[in-house]
N, C-alpha and C. Protein backbone atom coordinates (compact mmCIF):
# COMPACT_ATOMS: atom_id res chain seq x y z
N MET A 1 3.02 47.51 -174.21
CA MET A 1 2.45 48.12 -175.81
C MET A 1 1.49 48.69 -175.64
N PHE A 2 1.51 49.72 -176.28
CA PHE A 2 -0.12 50.69 -175.97
C PHE A 2 -0.69 50.47 -177.63
N CYS A 3 -1.74 50.52 -177.37
CA CYS A 3 -2.26 50.23 -178.60
C CYS A 3 -3.37 51.56 -178.88
N VAL A 4 -3.78 51.74 -180.35
CA VAL A 4 -4.83 53.05 -180.57
C VAL A 4 -6.14 52.57 -179.92
N SER A 5 -6.78 51.45 -180.28
CA SER A 5 -8.13 50.99 -179.68
C SER A 5 -7.85 50.95 -178.09
N GLN A 6 -8.92 50.59 -177.41
CA GLN A 6 -8.95 50.24 -176.08
C GLN A 6 -8.02 49.04 -175.77
N LYS A 7 -8.63 48.12 -176.28
CA LYS A 7 -7.59 46.91 -176.04
C LYS A 7 -7.59 46.22 -177.30
N GLU A 8 -6.65 45.68 -177.38
CA GLU A 8 -6.27 44.30 -178.81
C GLU A 8 -6.01 43.24 -178.51
N HIS A 9 -6.58 42.24 -178.84
CA HIS A 9 -6.52 40.68 -178.31
C HIS A 9 -6.70 39.73 -179.89
N GLY A 10 -5.55 38.84 -179.92
CA GLY A 10 -5.31 37.98 -180.30
C GLY A 10 -6.18 36.67 -180.40
N ARG A 11 -6.61 35.86 -181.23
CA ARG A 11 -7.36 35.12 -181.16
C ARG A 11 -6.61 33.65 -181.16
N HIS A 12 -6.45 32.86 -180.08
CA HIS A 12 -5.63 32.28 -180.00
C HIS A 12 -6.33 30.66 -179.56
N GLY A 13 -7.58 31.03 -179.57
CA GLY A 13 -8.66 29.59 -179.32
C GLY A 13 -8.52 29.73 -177.77
N ASP A 14 -7.31 28.65 -177.38
CA ASP A 14 -7.34 28.55 -175.71
C ASP A 14 -6.65 29.81 -174.88
N GLY A 15 -6.43 30.65 -175.63
CA GLY A 15 -5.80 31.99 -175.13
C GLY A 15 -4.73 32.20 -175.04
N ILE A 16 -3.73 31.04 -175.39
CA ILE A 16 -2.60 31.09 -175.14
C ILE A 16 -1.92 30.89 -176.27
N PRO A 17 -0.81 32.34 -176.80
CA PRO A 17 -0.29 32.45 -178.10
C PRO A 17 0.75 31.27 -178.18
N ASN A 18 0.74 31.17 -179.44
CA ASN A 18 1.56 30.23 -180.05
C ASN A 18 3.16 30.89 -180.16
N ALA A 19 4.00 30.41 -179.19
CA ALA A 19 5.22 31.50 -179.49
C ALA A 19 6.09 31.08 -180.40
N SER A 20 6.14 29.90 -181.00
CA SER A 20 6.93 29.37 -182.05
C SER A 20 6.77 29.73 -183.08
N ALA A 21 5.37 30.27 -183.47
CA ALA A 21 4.69 31.15 -184.50
C ALA A 21 5.13 32.35 -184.48
N ASN A 22 5.82 33.10 -183.63
CA ASN A 22 6.39 34.51 -183.67
C ASN A 22 7.56 34.42 -183.41
N ARG A 23 8.79 33.72 -183.93
CA ARG A 23 10.46 33.94 -184.20
C ARG A 23 10.37 35.15 -184.92
N ALA A 24 10.01 35.76 -186.05
CA ALA A 24 10.49 36.55 -186.66
C ALA A 24 10.54 38.01 -185.96
N ARG A 25 11.56 38.66 -186.25
CA ARG A 25 11.63 40.00 -185.71
C ARG A 25 10.30 40.79 -186.16
N GLU A 26 9.44 41.36 -184.96
CA GLU A 26 8.30 42.10 -185.38
C GLU A 26 8.22 43.58 -184.95
N GLY A 27 7.35 44.48 -185.54
CA GLY A 27 7.47 46.05 -185.43
C GLY A 27 6.06 46.30 -185.44
N ILE A 28 5.91 47.38 -185.43
CA ILE A 28 4.49 48.06 -185.07
C ILE A 28 4.41 49.82 -185.87
N GLY A 29 3.48 49.57 -186.80
CA GLY A 29 3.40 51.03 -187.56
C GLY A 29 2.40 51.68 -187.84
N LEU A 30 2.22 52.93 -188.14
CA LEU A 30 0.80 53.36 -188.38
C LEU A 30 0.75 52.86 -190.00
N ALA A 31 -0.28 52.28 -189.84
CA ALA A 31 -1.23 51.99 -191.66
C ALA A 31 -2.35 51.75 -191.77
N GLU A 32 -3.22 51.92 -192.77
CA GLU A 32 -4.49 51.89 -193.00
C GLU A 32 -4.93 50.38 -192.84
N LEU A 33 -5.70 50.49 -191.79
CA LEU A 33 -6.19 48.51 -192.08
C LEU A 33 -7.22 48.34 -191.45
N SER A 34 -8.06 47.21 -191.25
CA SER A 34 -9.23 47.15 -190.75
C SER A 34 -9.15 45.93 -189.67
N ILE A 35 -9.37 46.22 -188.52
CA ILE A 35 -9.33 44.96 -187.57
C ILE A 35 -10.67 45.12 -186.86
N PRO A 36 -11.14 43.62 -186.98
CA PRO A 36 -12.47 43.46 -186.50
C PRO A 36 -12.74 44.06 -185.17
N GLN A 37 -13.76 44.41 -184.38
CA GLN A 37 -13.75 44.75 -183.09
C GLN A 37 -15.27 44.31 -182.43
N ILE A 38 -14.96 43.92 -181.41
CA ILE A 38 -16.48 43.50 -180.37
C ILE A 38 -16.41 44.60 -179.28
N GLU A 39 -17.42 44.71 -178.41
CA GLU A 39 -17.49 45.15 -177.43
C GLU A 39 -17.27 43.75 -176.07
N THR A 40 -15.98 44.23 -175.14
CA THR A 40 -16.01 43.38 -174.19
C THR A 40 -15.98 44.03 -172.78
N THR A 41 -15.89 43.24 -171.61
CA THR A 41 -16.17 43.41 -170.24
C THR A 41 -14.36 43.24 -170.25
N VAL A 42 -13.98 44.10 -169.41
CA VAL A 42 -12.36 44.19 -169.03
C VAL A 42 -12.08 44.38 -167.88
N GLY A 43 -11.54 43.60 -166.77
CA GLY A 43 -11.06 43.35 -165.57
C GLY A 43 -9.96 43.70 -165.27
N ILE A 44 -9.46 44.89 -164.55
CA ILE A 44 -7.74 45.22 -164.51
C ILE A 44 -7.73 45.87 -163.04
N ALA A 45 -6.90 45.27 -162.29
CA ALA A 45 -6.79 46.01 -161.06
C ALA A 45 -7.68 46.28 -159.97
N GLY A 46 -8.56 44.66 -160.13
CA GLY A 46 -10.00 45.08 -159.48
C GLY A 46 -10.81 46.02 -159.94
N HIS A 47 -10.68 46.40 -160.91
CA HIS A 47 -11.83 47.54 -161.73
C HIS A 47 -12.58 46.61 -162.77
N GLU A 48 -13.77 46.83 -162.95
CA GLU A 48 -14.12 46.22 -163.95
C GLU A 48 -14.78 47.37 -165.08
N PHE A 49 -14.21 47.32 -166.43
CA PHE A 49 -15.35 48.10 -167.48
C PHE A 49 -15.98 47.50 -168.55
N GLU A 50 -16.94 48.07 -168.88
CA GLU A 50 -18.00 47.21 -169.82
C GLU A 50 -18.08 48.00 -170.70
N LYS A 51 -17.98 47.37 -171.79
CA LYS A 51 -18.62 47.77 -173.28
C LYS A 51 -17.05 48.29 -173.93
N VAL A 52 -15.99 47.71 -173.51
CA VAL A 52 -14.75 48.62 -173.82
C VAL A 52 -14.49 47.80 -175.35
N PRO A 53 -14.39 48.69 -176.55
CA PRO A 53 -13.95 48.59 -177.77
C PRO A 53 -12.87 47.65 -177.61
N THR A 54 -12.70 46.51 -178.48
CA THR A 54 -11.62 45.50 -178.65
C THR A 54 -11.54 44.82 -179.74
N GLY A 55 -10.49 45.17 -180.39
CA GLY A 55 -9.69 44.79 -181.44
C GLY A 55 -9.34 43.09 -181.58
N LEU A 56 -9.58 42.53 -182.76
CA LEU A 56 -9.47 41.24 -182.63
C LEU A 56 -8.32 40.79 -183.64
N HIS A 57 -7.44 40.31 -183.56
CA HIS A 57 -6.11 39.64 -184.63
C HIS A 57 -6.21 38.36 -184.34
N GLU A 58 -5.59 37.80 -185.72
CA GLU A 58 -5.68 36.74 -186.00
C GLU A 58 -4.69 35.75 -185.13
N ALA A 59 -3.88 36.55 -184.67
CA ALA A 59 -2.54 35.96 -183.93
C ALA A 59 -2.18 36.80 -183.19
N ALA A 60 -1.15 36.46 -182.15
CA ALA A 60 -0.54 37.66 -180.95
C ALA A 60 0.49 38.35 -181.86
N ILE A 61 0.55 39.54 -181.43
CA ILE A 61 1.67 40.42 -182.34
C ILE A 61 2.64 40.39 -181.60
N PHE A 62 3.33 40.38 -180.71
CA PHE A 62 4.54 39.93 -179.71
C PHE A 62 4.50 38.33 -179.01
N PRO A 63 5.42 37.62 -179.13
CA PRO A 63 5.81 36.59 -178.91
C PRO A 63 5.13 36.53 -177.09
N GLY A 64 4.40 35.60 -176.52
CA GLY A 64 3.94 35.72 -175.41
C GLY A 64 2.99 36.61 -174.82
N GLU A 65 2.27 37.50 -175.90
CA GLU A 65 1.57 38.41 -175.68
C GLU A 65 -0.20 37.75 -175.73
N CYS A 66 -0.96 38.24 -174.59
CA CYS A 66 -2.37 37.82 -174.61
C CYS A 66 -3.09 38.88 -174.67
N GLY A 67 -3.20 39.82 -175.04
CA GLY A 67 -3.62 41.23 -175.44
C GLY A 67 -2.95 42.17 -174.63
N LEU A 68 -3.33 43.25 -175.57
CA LEU A 68 -2.69 44.75 -175.48
C LEU A 68 -3.56 45.53 -174.82
N LEU A 69 -3.20 46.32 -174.16
CA LEU A 69 -4.05 47.61 -173.42
C LEU A 69 -4.12 48.69 -174.09
N GLY A 70 -4.75 49.40 -174.87
CA GLY A 70 -4.68 50.80 -175.49
C GLY A 70 -4.93 52.33 -174.67
N ASN A 71 -4.57 53.30 -175.06
CA ASN A 71 -4.72 54.46 -174.41
C ASN A 71 -6.31 54.63 -173.83
N GLY A 72 -7.18 54.26 -174.60
CA GLY A 72 -8.24 54.20 -174.13
C GLY A 72 -9.00 53.86 -172.72
N LEU A 73 -8.21 52.53 -172.46
CA LEU A 73 -8.76 52.15 -171.43
C LEU A 73 -7.68 52.51 -170.14
N LEU A 74 -6.35 52.62 -170.68
CA LEU A 74 -5.74 53.31 -169.67
C LEU A 74 -5.95 54.63 -169.02
N SER A 75 -6.14 55.36 -170.13
CA SER A 75 -6.64 56.81 -169.63
C SER A 75 -7.59 57.05 -168.76
N ARG A 76 -8.23 55.73 -167.98
CA ARG A 76 -9.27 55.84 -167.26
C ARG A 76 -8.85 55.73 -165.94
N PHE A 77 -7.27 55.81 -165.82
CA PHE A 77 -6.80 56.07 -164.41
C PHE A 77 -5.86 57.25 -164.33
N SER A 78 -6.08 57.58 -163.39
CA SER A 78 -5.18 59.00 -162.82
C SER A 78 -3.74 58.89 -163.33
N THR A 79 -3.11 58.08 -162.92
CA THR A 79 -1.77 57.87 -163.48
C THR A 79 -1.14 56.36 -163.37
N ILE A 80 -0.14 55.88 -164.30
CA ILE A 80 0.31 54.99 -164.99
C ILE A 80 1.91 54.69 -164.57
N THR A 81 2.38 53.83 -163.55
CA THR A 81 3.51 53.50 -163.52
C THR A 81 4.44 52.17 -164.04
N ILE A 82 5.16 52.39 -164.90
CA ILE A 82 5.67 51.16 -165.56
C ILE A 82 7.02 51.06 -164.97
N ASP A 83 6.83 49.82 -164.09
CA ASP A 83 8.29 49.57 -163.39
C ASP A 83 8.77 48.14 -163.84
N ALA A 84 9.71 48.43 -165.12
CA ALA A 84 10.13 47.31 -165.81
C ALA A 84 10.94 46.35 -164.93
N LYS A 85 11.88 47.03 -164.32
CA LYS A 85 12.69 45.92 -163.31
C LYS A 85 11.94 45.10 -162.56
N ALA A 86 10.79 45.26 -162.03
CA ALA A 86 10.14 44.32 -161.26
C ALA A 86 8.97 43.52 -162.18
N GLY A 87 8.82 44.19 -163.32
CA GLY A 87 7.92 43.38 -164.13
C GLY A 87 6.17 43.80 -163.99
N ARG A 88 5.85 45.11 -163.40
CA ARG A 88 4.88 45.11 -163.01
C ARG A 88 4.06 46.63 -163.50
N VAL A 89 2.87 47.03 -163.65
CA VAL A 89 2.55 48.15 -164.07
C VAL A 89 1.44 48.55 -162.80
N ILE A 90 2.11 49.71 -162.12
CA ILE A 90 0.80 50.34 -160.97
C ILE A 90 0.12 51.58 -161.57
N LEU A 91 -1.20 51.21 -161.11
CA LEU A 91 -2.17 52.19 -161.61
C LEU A 91 -2.77 52.85 -160.51
N GLY A 92 -2.88 54.28 -160.79
CA GLY A 92 -3.38 55.31 -160.01
C GLY A 92 -4.82 55.33 -159.80
N LYS A 93 -5.35 56.05 -158.85
CA LYS A 93 -6.84 56.20 -158.65
C LYS A 93 -7.55 56.10 -159.93
N ARG A 94 -8.56 55.25 -159.93
CA ARG A 94 -9.92 55.35 -161.20
C ARG A 94 -10.75 56.67 -161.34
N VAL A 95 -10.18 57.11 -162.45
CA VAL A 95 -11.11 58.57 -162.77
C VAL A 95 -12.68 58.37 -163.14
N THR A 96 -13.03 58.91 -162.42
CA THR A 96 -14.52 59.02 -162.67
C THR A 96 -14.83 59.20 -164.21
N GLU A 97 -15.98 58.52 -164.98
CA GLU A 97 -16.39 59.10 -166.40
C GLU A 97 -17.30 59.61 -166.83
């Protein structure tokens, strides 16, 4: 799932989403809403990014989700390959900022 902000994360207390609370069919759409944001440090694929705008949600958006990476963060890599069959994402070289 890709998001408008650079990173979206549910407030799960212990960091683990409650899958039983997310049994209804869910979807994402464009709507005017206010999501509290903070700046965080994000580590991905051996790279560390500081001061990443991070939206905080009250709960997970999808069952099993522990955070969503947005285009702002993913655009910092030259390529992104989603290998759904193997269940992995392959990130190209980091783009200099």
